[in-house]
């Protein structure tokens, strides 16, 4: 089992920045990738970004590329999502998820991810 805890959400004005953290604990040694997804009220869960546990591979969703940066600190079992130039449409609950596939694949869809955090609210005011 892997436990994931997100933090860093909050209220920010348009153009502002936030850094989300996802701390993993438990049996993390089999983790191959960590992804960030978000879900706004009345909308489907959306892919934001993902990173291989080694940090060598990163992916971004089309709506956040160039504004968000994902990184990992393996010593702290933590994945960060730096969010800059935030827009009102970025308002959502942000979830991190861990994938423990044996092929080391990094996925942009939620189905392969085995473990999920409880989410952290990000609100961007206009």
C-alpha atoms as a PDB file:
ATOM      1  CA  UNK A   1       0.000   0.000   0.000  1.00  0.00           C
ATOM      2  CA  UNK A   2       1.043   3.549  -0.730  1.00  0.00           C
ATOM      3  CA  UNK A   3      -0.380   6.584   1.013  1.00  0.00           C
ATOM      4  CA  UNK A   4      -0.370   9.945  -0.749  1.00  0.00           C
ATOM      5  CA  UNK A   5      -0.940  13.308   0.898  1.00  0.00           C
ATOM      6  CA  UNK A   6      -1.296  16.496  -1.122  1.00  0.00           C
ATOM      7  CA  UNK A   7      -0.788  19.984   0.231  1.00  0.00           C
ATOM      8  CA  UNK A   8      -0.176  23.503  -0.997  1.00  0.00           C
ATOM      9  CA  UNK A   9      -3.573  24.381  -2.406  1.00  0.00           C
ATOM     10  CA  UNK A  10      -5.318  27.627  -1.644  1.00  0.00           C
ATOM     11  CA  UNK A  11      -6.802  30.821  -3.016  1.00  0.00           C
ATOM     12  CA  UNK A  12      -4.734  32.904  -5.418  1.00  0.00           C
ATOM     13  CA  UNK A  13      -5.413  35.713  -7.863  1.00  0.00           C
ATOM     14  CA  UNK A  14      -5.134  35.373 -11.623  1.00  0.00           C
ATOM     15  CA  UNK A  15      -1.486  35.377 -12.629  1.00  0.00           C
ATOM     16  CA  UNK A  16      -0.334  34.111  -9.258  1.00  0.00           C
ATOM     17  CA  UNK A  17       1.560  30.963  -8.350  1.00  0.00           C
ATOM     18  CA  UNK A  18       1.178  27.964  -6.085  1.00  0.00           C
ATOM     19  CA  UNK A  19       3.331  24.918  -5.432  1.00  0.00           C
ATOM     20  CA  UNK A  20       1.569  21.670  -4.679  1.00  0.00           C
ATOM     21  CA  UNK A  21       3.321  18.837  -2.881  1.00  0.00           C
ATOM     22  CA  UNK A  22       2.517  15.133  -2.908  1.00  0.00           C
ATOM     23  CA  UNK A  23       4.224  13.110  -0.190  1.00  0.00           C
ATOM     24  CA  UNK A  24       4.265   9.355  -0.611  1.00  0.00           C
ATOM     25  CA  UNK A  25       4.651   6.873   2.237  1.00  0.00           C
ATOM     26  CA  UNK A  26       4.356   3.138   2.704  1.00  0.00           C
ATOM     27  CA  UNK A  27       5.595   0.713   0.052  1.00  0.00           C
ATOM     28  CA  UNK A  28       6.896   3.292  -2.397  1.00  0.00           C
ATOM     29  CA  UNK A  29       9.774   1.220  -3.771  1.00  0.00           C
ATOM     30  CA  UNK A  30       7.641  -0.130  -6.597  1.00  0.00           C
ATOM     31  CA  UNK A  31       6.429   3.277  -7.757  1.00  0.00           C
ATOM     32  CA  UNK A  32       7.087   3.912 -11.447  1.00  0.00           C
ATOM     33  CA  UNK A  33       5.298   7.225 -11.930  1.00  0.00           C
ATOM     34  CA  UNK A  34       3.295   9.904 -10.156  1.00  0.00           C
ATOM     35  CA  UNK A  35       0.611  11.905 -11.862  1.00  0.00           C
ATOM     36  CA  UNK A  36      -1.411  14.996 -11.071  1.00  0.00           C
ATOM     37  CA  UNK A  37      -5.041  15.188 -12.106  1.00  0.00           C
ATOM     38  CA  UNK A  38      -7.691  17.789 -11.391  1.00  0.00           C
ATOM     39  CA  UNK A  39     -11.446  17.872 -11.281  1.00  0.00           C
ATOM     40  CA  UNK A  40     -13.674  20.922 -11.351  1.00  0.00           C
ATOM     41  CA  UNK A  41     -17.352  20.796 -10.309  1.00  0.00           C
ATOM     42  CA  UNK A  42     -19.468  19.206 -13.004  1.00  0.00           C
ATOM     43  CA  UNK A  43     -16.462  18.232 -15.113  1.00  0.00           C
ATOM     44  CA  UNK A  44     -14.537  15.043 -15.711  1.00  0.00           C
ATOM     45  CA  UNK A  45     -11.184  14.373 -14.136  1.00  0.00           C
ATOM     46  CA  UNK A  46      -8.470  15.979 -16.262  1.00  0.00           C
ATOM     47  CA  UNK A  47      -4.832  15.049 -16.682  1.00  0.00           C
ATOM     48  CA  UNK A  48      -2.453  17.784 -15.542  1.00  0.00           C
ATOM     49  CA  UNK A  49       1.033  16.306 -15.452  1.00  0.00           C
ATOM     50  CA  UNK A  50       3.003  13.152 -14.721  1.00  0.00           C
ATOM     51  CA  UNK A  51       6.588  12.229 -13.973  1.00  0.00           C
ATOM     52  CA  UNK A  52       8.560   9.029 -13.772  1.00  0.00           C
ATOM     53  CA  UNK A  53       9.751   8.255 -10.264  1.00  0.00           C
ATOM     54  CA  UNK A  54      13.333   8.790 -11.443  1.00  0.00           C
ATOM     55  CA  UNK A  55      12.347  12.202 -12.797  1.00  0.00           C
ATOM     56  CA  UNK A  56      13.629  11.471 -16.279  1.00  0.00           C
ATOM     57  CA  UNK A  57      10.274  11.564 -18.071  1.00  0.00           C
ATOM     58  CA  UNK A  58       7.617  14.253 -17.765  1.00  0.00           C
ATOM     59  CA  UNK A  59       4.305  14.900 -19.485  1.00  0.00           C
ATOM     60  CA  UNK A  60       1.920  17.842 -19.345  1.00  0.00           C
ATOM     61  CA  UNK A  61      -1.669  18.288 -20.305  1.00  0.00           C
ATOM     62  CA  UNK A  62      -2.380  20.683 -23.184  1.00  0.00           C
ATOM     63  CA  UNK A  63      -4.024  23.268 -20.962  1.00  0.00           C
ATOM     64  CA  UNK A  64      -1.083  23.646 -18.565  1.00  0.00           C
ATOM     65  CA  UNK A  65       2.016  23.189 -20.693  1.00  0.00           C
ATOM     66  CA  UNK A  66       4.448  26.059 -20.298  1.00  0.00           C
ATOM     67  CA  UNK A  67       2.842  27.243 -17.049  1.00  0.00           C
ATOM     68  CA  UNK A  68       3.221  24.222 -14.754  1.00  0.00           C
ATOM     69  CA  UNK A  69       6.389  22.331 -13.861  1.00  0.00           C
ATOM     70  CA  UNK A  70       6.504  18.903 -12.248  1.00  0.00           C
ATOM     71  CA  UNK A  71       9.523  17.658 -10.326  1.00  0.00           C
ATOM     72  CA  UNK A  72      10.446  14.969  -7.866  1.00  0.00           C
ATOM     73  CA  UNK A  73      12.630  14.686  -4.772  1.00  0.00           C
ATOM     74  CA  UNK A  74      13.169  10.994  -4.220  1.00  0.00           C
ATOM     75  CA  UNK A  75      15.016  11.549  -0.941  1.00  0.00           C
ATOM     76  CA  UNK A  76      11.820  13.074   0.440  1.00  0.00           C
ATOM     77  CA  UNK A  77       9.408  10.786  -1.474  1.00  0.00           C
ATOM     78  CA  UNK A  78       7.787  13.968  -2.724  1.00  0.00           C
ATOM     79  CA  UNK A  79       6.524  15.165  -6.094  1.00  0.00           C
ATOM     80  CA  UNK A  80       5.963  18.861  -6.644  1.00  0.00           C
ATOM     81  CA  UNK A  81       3.755  20.730  -9.064  1.00  0.00           C
ATOM     82  CA  UNK A  82       4.817  24.319  -9.526  1.00  0.00           C
ATOM     83  CA  UNK A  83       1.928  26.273 -10.991  1.00  0.00           C
ATOM     84  CA  UNK A  84       2.626  29.710 -12.440  1.00  0.00           C
ATOM     85  CA  UNK A  85       0.475  32.222 -14.293  1.00  0.00           C
ATOM     86  CA  UNK A  86      -2.654  30.672 -12.853  1.00  0.00           C
ATOM     87  CA  UNK A  87      -5.997  31.273 -14.522  1.00  0.00           C
ATOM     88  CA  UNK A  88      -9.577  30.988 -13.220  1.00  0.00           C
ATOM     89  CA  UNK A  89     -10.033  27.873 -15.344  1.00  0.00           C
ATOM     90  CA  UNK A  90      -7.330  26.180 -13.260  1.00  0.00           C
ATOM     91  CA  UNK A  91      -9.747  26.158 -10.319  1.00  0.00           C
ATOM     92  CA  UNK A  92     -10.302  22.549  -9.273  1.00  0.00           C
ATOM     93  CA  UNK A  93      -9.461  19.895  -6.741  1.00  0.00           C
ATOM     94  CA  UNK A  94      -5.991  18.587  -7.543  1.00  0.00           C
ATOM     95  CA  UNK A  95      -5.163  14.934  -6.891  1.00  0.00           C
ATOM     96  CA  UNK A  96      -1.868  13.120  -7.047  1.00  0.00           C
ATOM     97  CA  UNK A  97      -1.733   9.450  -7.933  1.00  0.00           C
ATOM     98  CA  UNK A  98       0.941   6.756  -7.914  1.00  0.00           C
ATOM     99  CA  UNK A  99       1.416   4.032 -10.496  1.00  0.00           C
ATOM    100  CA  UNK A 100       3.354   0.852  -9.745  1.00  0.00           C
ATOM    101  CA  UNK A 101       3.512  -0.798 -13.170  1.00  0.00           C
ATOM    102  CA  UNK A 102       6.405  -3.132 -13.908  1.00  0.00           C
ATOM    103  CA  UNK A 103       7.216  -1.531 -17.277  1.00  0.00           C
ATOM    104  CA  UNK A 104       8.070   1.916 -15.957  1.00  0.00           C
ATOM    105  CA  UNK A 105       5.407   3.562 -18.087  1.00  0.00           C
ATOM    106  CA  UNK A 106       4.158   7.074 -17.391  1.00  0.00           C
ATOM    107  CA  UNK A 107       0.475   7.449 -18.148  1.00  0.00           C
ATOM    108  CA  UNK A 108      -1.738  10.463 -18.838  1.00  0.00           C
ATOM    109  CA  UNK A 109      -4.979   8.623 -18.103  1.00  0.00           C
ATOM    110  CA  UNK A 110      -6.224   7.860 -14.587  1.00  0.00           C
ATOM    111  CA  UNK A 111      -6.977   4.141 -14.975  1.00  0.00           C
ATOM    112  CA  UNK A 112      -3.433   2.766 -14.514  1.00  0.00           C
ATOM    113  CA  UNK A 113      -2.842   4.652 -11.297  1.00  0.00           C
ATOM    114  CA  UNK A 114      -3.138   2.439  -8.254  1.00  0.00           C
ATOM    115  CA  UNK A 115      -3.167   4.909  -5.382  1.00  0.00           C
ATOM    116  CA  UNK A 116      -4.742   8.334  -4.964  1.00  0.00           C
ATOM    117  CA  UNK A 117      -4.503  11.136  -2.472  1.00  0.00           C
ATOM    118  CA  UNK A 118      -7.446  12.953  -0.949  1.00  0.00           C
ATOM    119  CA  UNK A 119      -6.976  16.073  -3.074  1.00  0.00           C
ATOM    120  CA  UNK A 120      -6.232  19.716  -2.411  1.00  0.00           C
ATOM    121  CA  UNK A 121      -8.404  22.633  -3.494  1.00  0.00           C
ATOM    122  CA  UNK A 122      -6.966  25.287  -5.800  1.00  0.00           C
ATOM    123  CA  UNK A 123      -9.079  28.378  -6.397  1.00  0.00           C
ATOM    124  CA  UNK A 124      -8.008  31.134  -8.775  1.00  0.00           C
ATOM    125  CA  UNK A 125      -9.951  34.370  -8.537  1.00  0.00           C
ATOM    126  CA  UNK A 126     -10.401  36.700 -11.486  1.00  0.00           C
END
